[in-house]
């Protein structure tokens, strides 16, 4: 007998978006790479807050991937990660403490100081 756990997340059912800044940076990073590479964003267990964001490059789209396209950039998000990222914006920030991709996630109840891990 299996029981499924249903999470009540504020962003559930809301779209995941990609900012123009993030799209521009993805295009810039991939400009010197083989054609067909895409940014993959995933949520994995770990980090100091329980979950962490993973950013990798992939040349294969999976059947259950959400595909975000903007200004020539393509982002892939697997089915499980979509559950935790509903309502989020993938952004790119360049400020005094450094430059990085940032997820503005309404589902996160707490974030780590480094910005790459969160809890629900």
N, C-alpha and C. Protein backbone atom coordinates (compact mmCIF):
# COMPACT_ATOMS: atom_id res chain seq x y z
N UNK A 1 0.85 -1.15 0.00
CA UNK A 1 0.00 0.00 0.00
C UNK A 1 0.91 1.23 0.00
N UNK A 2 0.60 2.16 -0.89
CA UNK A 2 1.44 3.35 -0.93
C UNK A 2 0.61 4.59 -0.69
N UNK A 3 1.16 5.48 0.08
CA UNK A 3 0.51 6.75 0.35
C UNK A 3 1.32 7.82 -0.35
N UNK A 4 0.64 8.75 -0.99
CA UNK A 4 1.37 9.85 -1.61
C UNK A 4 1.27 11.06 -0.71
N UNK A 5 2.37 11.76 -0.63
CA UNK A 5 2.43 12.96 0.18
C UNK A 5 2.11 14.15 -0.72
N UNK A 6 1.14 14.95 -0.34
CA UNK A 6 0.79 16.12 -1.12
C UNK A 6 1.25 17.36 -0.38
N UNK A 7 2.03 18.18 -1.05
CA UNK A 7 2.53 19.41 -0.44
C UNK A 7 1.61 20.56 -0.79
N UNK A 8 1.35 21.42 0.18
CA UNK A 8 0.56 22.61 -0.05
C UNK A 8 1.54 23.78 -0.19
N UNK A 9 1.92 24.05 -1.44
CA UNK A 9 2.92 25.08 -1.70
C UNK A 9 2.27 26.32 -2.30
N UNK A 10 2.70 27.52 -1.88
CA UNK A 10 2.10 28.76 -2.38
C UNK A 10 2.17 28.92 -3.89
N UNK A 11 3.19 28.37 -4.52
CA UNK A 11 3.35 28.53 -5.96
C UNK A 11 2.74 27.42 -6.79
N UNK A 12 2.09 26.47 -6.15
CA UNK A 12 1.54 25.31 -6.87
C UNK A 12 0.62 25.76 -8.00
N UNK A 13 0.87 25.23 -9.18
CA UNK A 13 0.04 25.54 -10.34
C UNK A 13 0.39 26.84 -11.03
N UNK A 14 1.30 27.60 -10.48
CA UNK A 14 1.69 28.88 -11.10
C UNK A 14 2.88 28.65 -12.02
N UNK A 15 3.01 29.46 -13.07
CA UNK A 15 4.10 29.25 -14.03
C UNK A 15 5.47 29.60 -13.44
N UNK A 16 6.48 28.94 -13.97
CA UNK A 16 7.87 29.25 -13.66
C UNK A 16 8.36 30.15 -14.78
N UNK A 17 9.00 31.25 -14.44
CA UNK A 17 9.41 32.22 -15.46
C UNK A 17 10.93 32.42 -15.47
N UNK A 18 11.40 32.97 -16.57
CA UNK A 18 12.81 33.25 -16.78
C UNK A 18 12.94 34.73 -17.06
N UNK A 19 13.77 35.43 -16.29
CA UNK A 19 13.94 36.86 -16.50
C UNK A 19 14.79 37.12 -17.75
N UNK A 20 14.68 38.31 -18.28
CA UNK A 20 15.49 38.71 -19.43
C UNK A 20 16.98 38.69 -19.08
N UNK A 21 17.32 39.11 -17.85
CA UNK A 21 18.73 39.09 -17.41
C UNK A 21 19.28 37.67 -17.42
N UNK A 22 18.50 36.72 -16.92
CA UNK A 22 18.94 35.33 -16.89
C UNK A 22 19.09 34.79 -18.31
N UNK A 23 18.13 35.08 -19.17
CA UNK A 23 18.20 34.60 -20.56
C UNK A 23 19.44 35.15 -21.25
N UNK A 24 19.72 36.41 -21.03
CA UNK A 24 20.90 37.05 -21.64
C UNK A 24 22.19 36.37 -21.16
N UNK A 25 22.28 36.08 -19.87
CA UNK A 25 23.48 35.45 -19.31
C UNK A 25 23.64 34.02 -19.80
N UNK A 26 22.54 33.28 -19.90
CA UNK A 26 22.60 31.91 -20.42
C UNK A 26 23.13 31.93 -21.85
N UNK A 27 22.59 32.82 -22.67
CA UNK A 27 23.02 32.95 -24.06
C UNK A 27 24.51 33.30 -24.13
N UNK A 28 24.94 34.19 -23.26
CA UNK A 28 26.36 34.60 -23.22
C UNK A 28 27.26 33.42 -22.84
N UNK A 29 26.88 32.68 -21.81
CA UNK A 29 27.68 31.54 -21.35
C UNK A 29 27.79 30.48 -22.44
N UNK A 30 26.67 30.21 -23.12
CA UNK A 30 26.64 29.13 -24.09
C UNK A 30 27.13 29.54 -25.48
N UNK A 31 27.44 30.81 -25.68
CA UNK A 31 27.85 31.28 -27.00
C UNK A 31 29.12 30.58 -27.51
N UNK A 32 29.99 30.15 -26.65
CA UNK A 32 31.22 29.48 -27.06
C UNK A 32 31.15 27.97 -26.98
N UNK A 33 29.98 27.44 -26.71
CA UNK A 33 29.81 26.00 -26.54
C UNK A 33 29.18 25.37 -27.79
N UNK A 34 29.11 24.05 -27.77
CA UNK A 34 28.46 23.30 -28.85
C UNK A 34 26.99 23.74 -28.96
N UNK A 35 26.47 23.87 -30.18
CA UNK A 35 25.04 24.18 -30.33
C UNK A 35 24.17 23.10 -29.70
N UNK A 36 23.02 23.50 -29.18
CA UNK A 36 22.08 22.54 -28.60
C UNK A 36 22.16 22.40 -27.09
N UNK A 37 23.15 23.03 -26.45
CA UNK A 37 23.22 22.96 -24.98
C UNK A 37 22.14 23.84 -24.37
N UNK A 38 21.57 23.37 -23.26
CA UNK A 38 20.53 24.09 -22.54
C UNK A 38 20.88 24.09 -21.06
N UNK A 39 20.39 25.09 -20.34
CA UNK A 39 20.57 25.12 -18.89
C UNK A 39 19.51 24.24 -18.25
N UNK A 40 19.94 23.35 -17.35
CA UNK A 40 19.00 22.53 -16.60
C UNK A 40 19.01 23.02 -15.15
N UNK A 41 17.82 23.31 -14.64
CA UNK A 41 17.65 23.74 -13.25
C UNK A 41 16.90 22.63 -12.53
N UNK A 42 17.42 22.21 -11.38
CA UNK A 42 16.79 21.14 -10.62
C UNK A 42 16.81 21.48 -9.13
N UNK A 43 15.91 20.85 -8.40
CA UNK A 43 15.90 20.93 -6.95
C UNK A 43 16.32 19.56 -6.45
N UNK A 44 17.33 19.53 -5.58
CA UNK A 44 17.81 18.28 -5.02
C UNK A 44 17.82 18.38 -3.50
N UNK A 45 17.83 17.24 -2.84
CA UNK A 45 17.94 17.23 -1.39
C UNK A 45 19.36 17.59 -0.98
N UNK A 46 19.49 18.32 0.11
CA UNK A 46 20.82 18.68 0.61
C UNK A 46 20.93 20.15 0.90
N UNK A 47 22.16 20.60 1.01
CA UNK A 47 22.37 22.00 1.37
C UNK A 47 22.10 22.20 2.85
N UNK A 48 22.36 23.38 3.34
CA UNK A 48 22.20 23.61 4.77
C UNK A 48 20.75 23.89 5.18
N UNK A 49 19.84 24.02 4.21
CA UNK A 49 18.44 24.27 4.54
C UNK A 49 17.49 23.14 4.15
N UNK A 50 18.01 22.05 3.58
CA UNK A 50 17.17 20.90 3.25
C UNK A 50 17.07 20.60 1.77
N UNK A 51 16.92 21.64 0.95
CA UNK A 51 16.88 21.49 -0.50
C UNK A 51 17.90 22.45 -1.09
N UNK A 52 18.38 22.12 -2.28
CA UNK A 52 19.31 23.04 -2.94
C UNK A 52 19.02 23.07 -4.44
N UNK A 53 19.40 24.17 -5.06
CA UNK A 53 19.24 24.32 -6.50
C UNK A 53 20.49 23.80 -7.19
N UNK A 54 20.29 23.12 -8.29
CA UNK A 54 21.41 22.62 -9.10
C UNK A 54 21.27 23.22 -10.50
N UNK A 55 22.37 23.75 -11.00
CA UNK A 55 22.43 24.33 -12.34
C UNK A 55 23.47 23.56 -13.15
N UNK A 56 23.04 22.92 -14.22
CA UNK A 56 23.96 22.18 -15.08
C UNK A 56 23.59 22.45 -16.53
N UNK A 57 24.43 22.00 -17.44
CA UNK A 57 24.13 22.12 -18.86
C UNK A 57 23.81 20.74 -19.40
N UNK A 58 22.86 20.68 -20.31
CA UNK A 58 22.39 19.41 -20.84
C UNK A 58 22.08 19.58 -22.32
N UNK A 59 22.29 18.54 -23.08
CA UNK A 59 21.95 18.59 -24.51
C UNK A 59 20.79 17.65 -24.82
N UNK A 60 20.17 17.10 -23.77
CA UNK A 60 19.05 16.17 -23.95
C UNK A 60 17.83 16.64 -23.18
N UNK A 61 16.72 16.80 -23.87
CA UNK A 61 15.45 17.11 -23.22
C UNK A 61 14.76 15.79 -22.90
N UNK A 62 14.26 15.66 -21.68
CA UNK A 62 13.51 14.48 -21.26
C UNK A 62 12.02 14.72 -21.52
N UNK A 63 11.25 13.65 -21.65
CA UNK A 63 9.83 13.76 -21.95
C UNK A 63 9.04 14.57 -20.92
N UNK A 64 9.46 14.50 -19.65
CA UNK A 64 8.70 15.20 -18.61
C UNK A 64 9.26 16.58 -18.27
N UNK A 65 10.23 17.06 -19.04
CA UNK A 65 10.83 18.37 -18.78
C UNK A 65 9.89 19.51 -19.15
N UNK A 66 9.88 20.52 -18.30
CA UNK A 66 9.28 21.80 -18.66
C UNK A 66 10.36 22.55 -19.43
N UNK A 67 10.01 23.14 -20.56
CA UNK A 67 10.97 23.87 -21.38
C UNK A 67 10.59 25.34 -21.36
N UNK A 68 11.51 26.17 -20.85
CA UNK A 68 11.33 27.62 -20.86
C UNK A 68 12.25 28.19 -21.93
N UNK A 69 11.70 29.00 -22.81
CA UNK A 69 12.50 29.63 -23.86
C UNK A 69 12.28 31.13 -23.83
N UNK A 70 13.39 31.86 -23.87
CA UNK A 70 13.30 33.33 -23.87
C UNK A 70 14.56 33.89 -24.50
N UNK A 71 14.41 34.77 -25.46
CA UNK A 71 15.52 35.50 -26.06
C UNK A 71 16.67 34.59 -26.49
N UNK A 72 16.35 33.42 -27.03
CA UNK A 72 17.37 32.50 -27.52
C UNK A 72 17.93 31.55 -26.49
N UNK A 73 17.51 31.68 -25.23
CA UNK A 73 17.97 30.78 -24.16
C UNK A 73 16.91 29.73 -23.88
N UNK A 74 17.36 28.51 -23.55
CA UNK A 74 16.44 27.43 -23.21
C UNK A 74 16.82 26.87 -21.84
N UNK A 75 15.80 26.72 -20.98
CA UNK A 75 15.98 26.15 -19.64
C UNK A 75 15.09 24.93 -19.53
N UNK A 76 15.65 23.85 -18.99
CA UNK A 76 14.92 22.61 -18.76
C UNK A 76 14.72 22.41 -17.26
N UNK A 77 13.51 21.97 -16.88
CA UNK A 77 13.22 21.69 -15.47
C UNK A 77 12.48 20.37 -15.40
N UNK A 78 13.03 19.41 -14.65
CA UNK A 78 12.40 18.09 -14.55
C UNK A 78 11.09 18.16 -13.79
N UNK A 79 10.29 17.13 -13.94
CA UNK A 79 8.94 17.06 -13.39
C UNK A 79 8.91 17.22 -11.87
N UNK A 80 9.80 16.55 -11.15
CA UNK A 80 9.81 16.63 -9.69
C UNK A 80 10.19 18.04 -9.23
N UNK A 81 11.19 18.64 -9.86
CA UNK A 81 11.62 19.99 -9.48
C UNK A 81 10.53 21.03 -9.73
N UNK A 82 9.72 20.80 -10.74
CA UNK A 82 8.64 21.74 -11.06
C UNK A 82 7.71 21.94 -9.86
N UNK A 83 7.50 20.87 -9.11
CA UNK A 83 6.62 20.92 -7.94
C UNK A 83 7.13 21.95 -6.92
N UNK A 84 8.45 22.03 -6.74
CA UNK A 84 9.05 22.93 -5.76
C UNK A 84 9.29 24.33 -6.31
N UNK A 85 9.22 24.48 -7.63
CA UNK A 85 9.54 25.76 -8.27
C UNK A 85 8.33 26.51 -8.79
N UNK A 86 7.12 25.99 -8.60
CA UNK A 86 5.93 26.67 -9.10
C UNK A 86 5.87 28.11 -8.61
N UNK A 87 5.63 29.05 -9.53
CA UNK A 87 5.55 30.46 -9.19
C UNK A 87 6.90 31.16 -9.10
N UNK A 88 7.98 30.44 -9.32
CA UNK A 88 9.33 31.00 -9.19
C UNK A 88 9.77 31.77 -10.44
N UNK A 89 10.71 32.68 -10.23
CA UNK A 89 11.38 33.34 -11.33
C UNK A 89 12.87 33.00 -11.26
N UNK A 90 13.40 32.55 -12.39
CA UNK A 90 14.84 32.32 -12.50
C UNK A 90 15.45 33.62 -12.97
N UNK A 91 16.34 34.19 -12.18
CA UNK A 91 16.91 35.50 -12.47
C UNK A 91 18.43 35.40 -12.44
N UNK A 92 19.08 36.46 -12.84
CA UNK A 92 20.53 36.57 -12.77
C UNK A 92 20.84 37.89 -12.11
N UNK A 93 21.66 37.86 -11.06
CA UNK A 93 22.02 39.08 -10.34
C UNK A 93 23.53 39.28 -10.38
N UNK A 94 23.91 40.53 -10.46
CA UNK A 94 25.32 40.91 -10.46
C UNK A 94 25.43 42.10 -9.51
N UNK A 95 25.81 41.81 -8.25
CA UNK A 95 25.88 42.87 -7.26
C UNK A 95 27.21 42.83 -6.52
N UNK A 96 27.32 43.56 -5.44
CA UNK A 96 28.59 43.68 -4.71
C UNK A 96 29.12 42.35 -4.19
N UNK A 97 28.23 41.41 -3.86
CA UNK A 97 28.71 40.13 -3.32
C UNK A 97 28.97 39.09 -4.39
N UNK A 98 28.70 39.44 -5.66
CA UNK A 98 29.01 38.52 -6.74
C UNK A 98 27.89 38.39 -7.75
N UNK A 99 28.16 37.65 -8.78
CA UNK A 99 27.19 37.41 -9.85
C UNK A 99 26.77 35.95 -9.81
N UNK A 100 25.46 35.71 -9.95
CA UNK A 100 24.97 34.33 -9.94
C UNK A 100 23.53 34.28 -10.41
N UNK A 101 23.11 33.06 -10.77
CA UNK A 101 21.70 32.83 -11.03
C UNK A 101 21.01 32.77 -9.68
N UNK A 102 19.80 33.32 -9.62
CA UNK A 102 19.05 33.37 -8.37
C UNK A 102 17.62 32.91 -8.66
N UNK A 103 17.09 32.09 -7.79
CA UNK A 103 15.70 31.64 -7.90
C UNK A 103 14.87 32.41 -6.88
N UNK A 104 13.92 33.19 -7.36
CA UNK A 104 12.97 33.88 -6.49
C UNK A 104 11.79 32.93 -6.32
N UNK A 105 11.81 32.18 -5.21
CA UNK A 105 10.90 31.06 -5.01
C UNK A 105 9.89 31.35 -3.90
N UNK A 106 8.58 31.50 -4.26
CA UNK A 106 7.57 31.77 -3.24
C UNK A 106 7.30 30.58 -2.33
N UNK A 107 7.79 29.41 -2.68
CA UNK A 107 7.58 28.19 -1.88
C UNK A 107 8.58 28.05 -0.75
N UNK A 108 9.67 28.79 -0.80
CA UNK A 108 10.72 28.67 0.21
C UNK A 108 10.31 29.42 1.47
N UNK A 109 10.30 28.70 2.59
CA UNK A 109 9.97 29.35 3.86
C UNK A 109 11.22 29.93 4.51
N UNK A 110 12.38 29.44 4.11
CA UNK A 110 13.65 29.96 4.62
C UNK A 110 14.72 29.70 3.57
N UNK A 111 15.69 30.61 3.49
CA UNK A 111 16.80 30.48 2.56
C UNK A 111 18.11 30.53 3.31
N UNK A 112 19.09 29.85 2.77
CA UNK A 112 20.44 29.88 3.31
C UNK A 112 21.09 31.20 2.91
N UNK A 113 22.07 31.64 3.64
CA UNK A 113 22.78 32.87 3.32
C UNK A 113 23.46 32.84 1.96
N UNK A 114 23.84 31.66 1.49
CA UNK A 114 24.49 31.55 0.20
C UNK A 114 23.51 31.67 -0.97
N UNK A 115 22.21 31.48 -0.67
CA UNK A 115 21.18 31.61 -1.70
C UNK A 115 20.96 30.40 -2.56
N UNK A 116 21.69 29.30 -2.31
CA UNK A 116 21.51 28.12 -3.15
C UNK A 116 20.75 27.00 -2.44
N UNK A 117 20.39 27.19 -1.19
CA UNK A 117 19.58 26.17 -0.52
C UNK A 117 18.39 26.83 0.16
N UNK A 118 17.35 26.03 0.38
CA UNK A 118 16.13 26.56 0.96
C UNK A 118 15.38 25.45 1.68
N UNK A 119 14.38 25.86 2.47
CA UNK A 119 13.51 24.87 3.12
C UNK A 119 12.06 25.23 2.82
N UNK A 120 11.21 24.22 2.96
CA UNK A 120 9.78 24.39 2.70
C UNK A 120 9.03 24.12 3.97
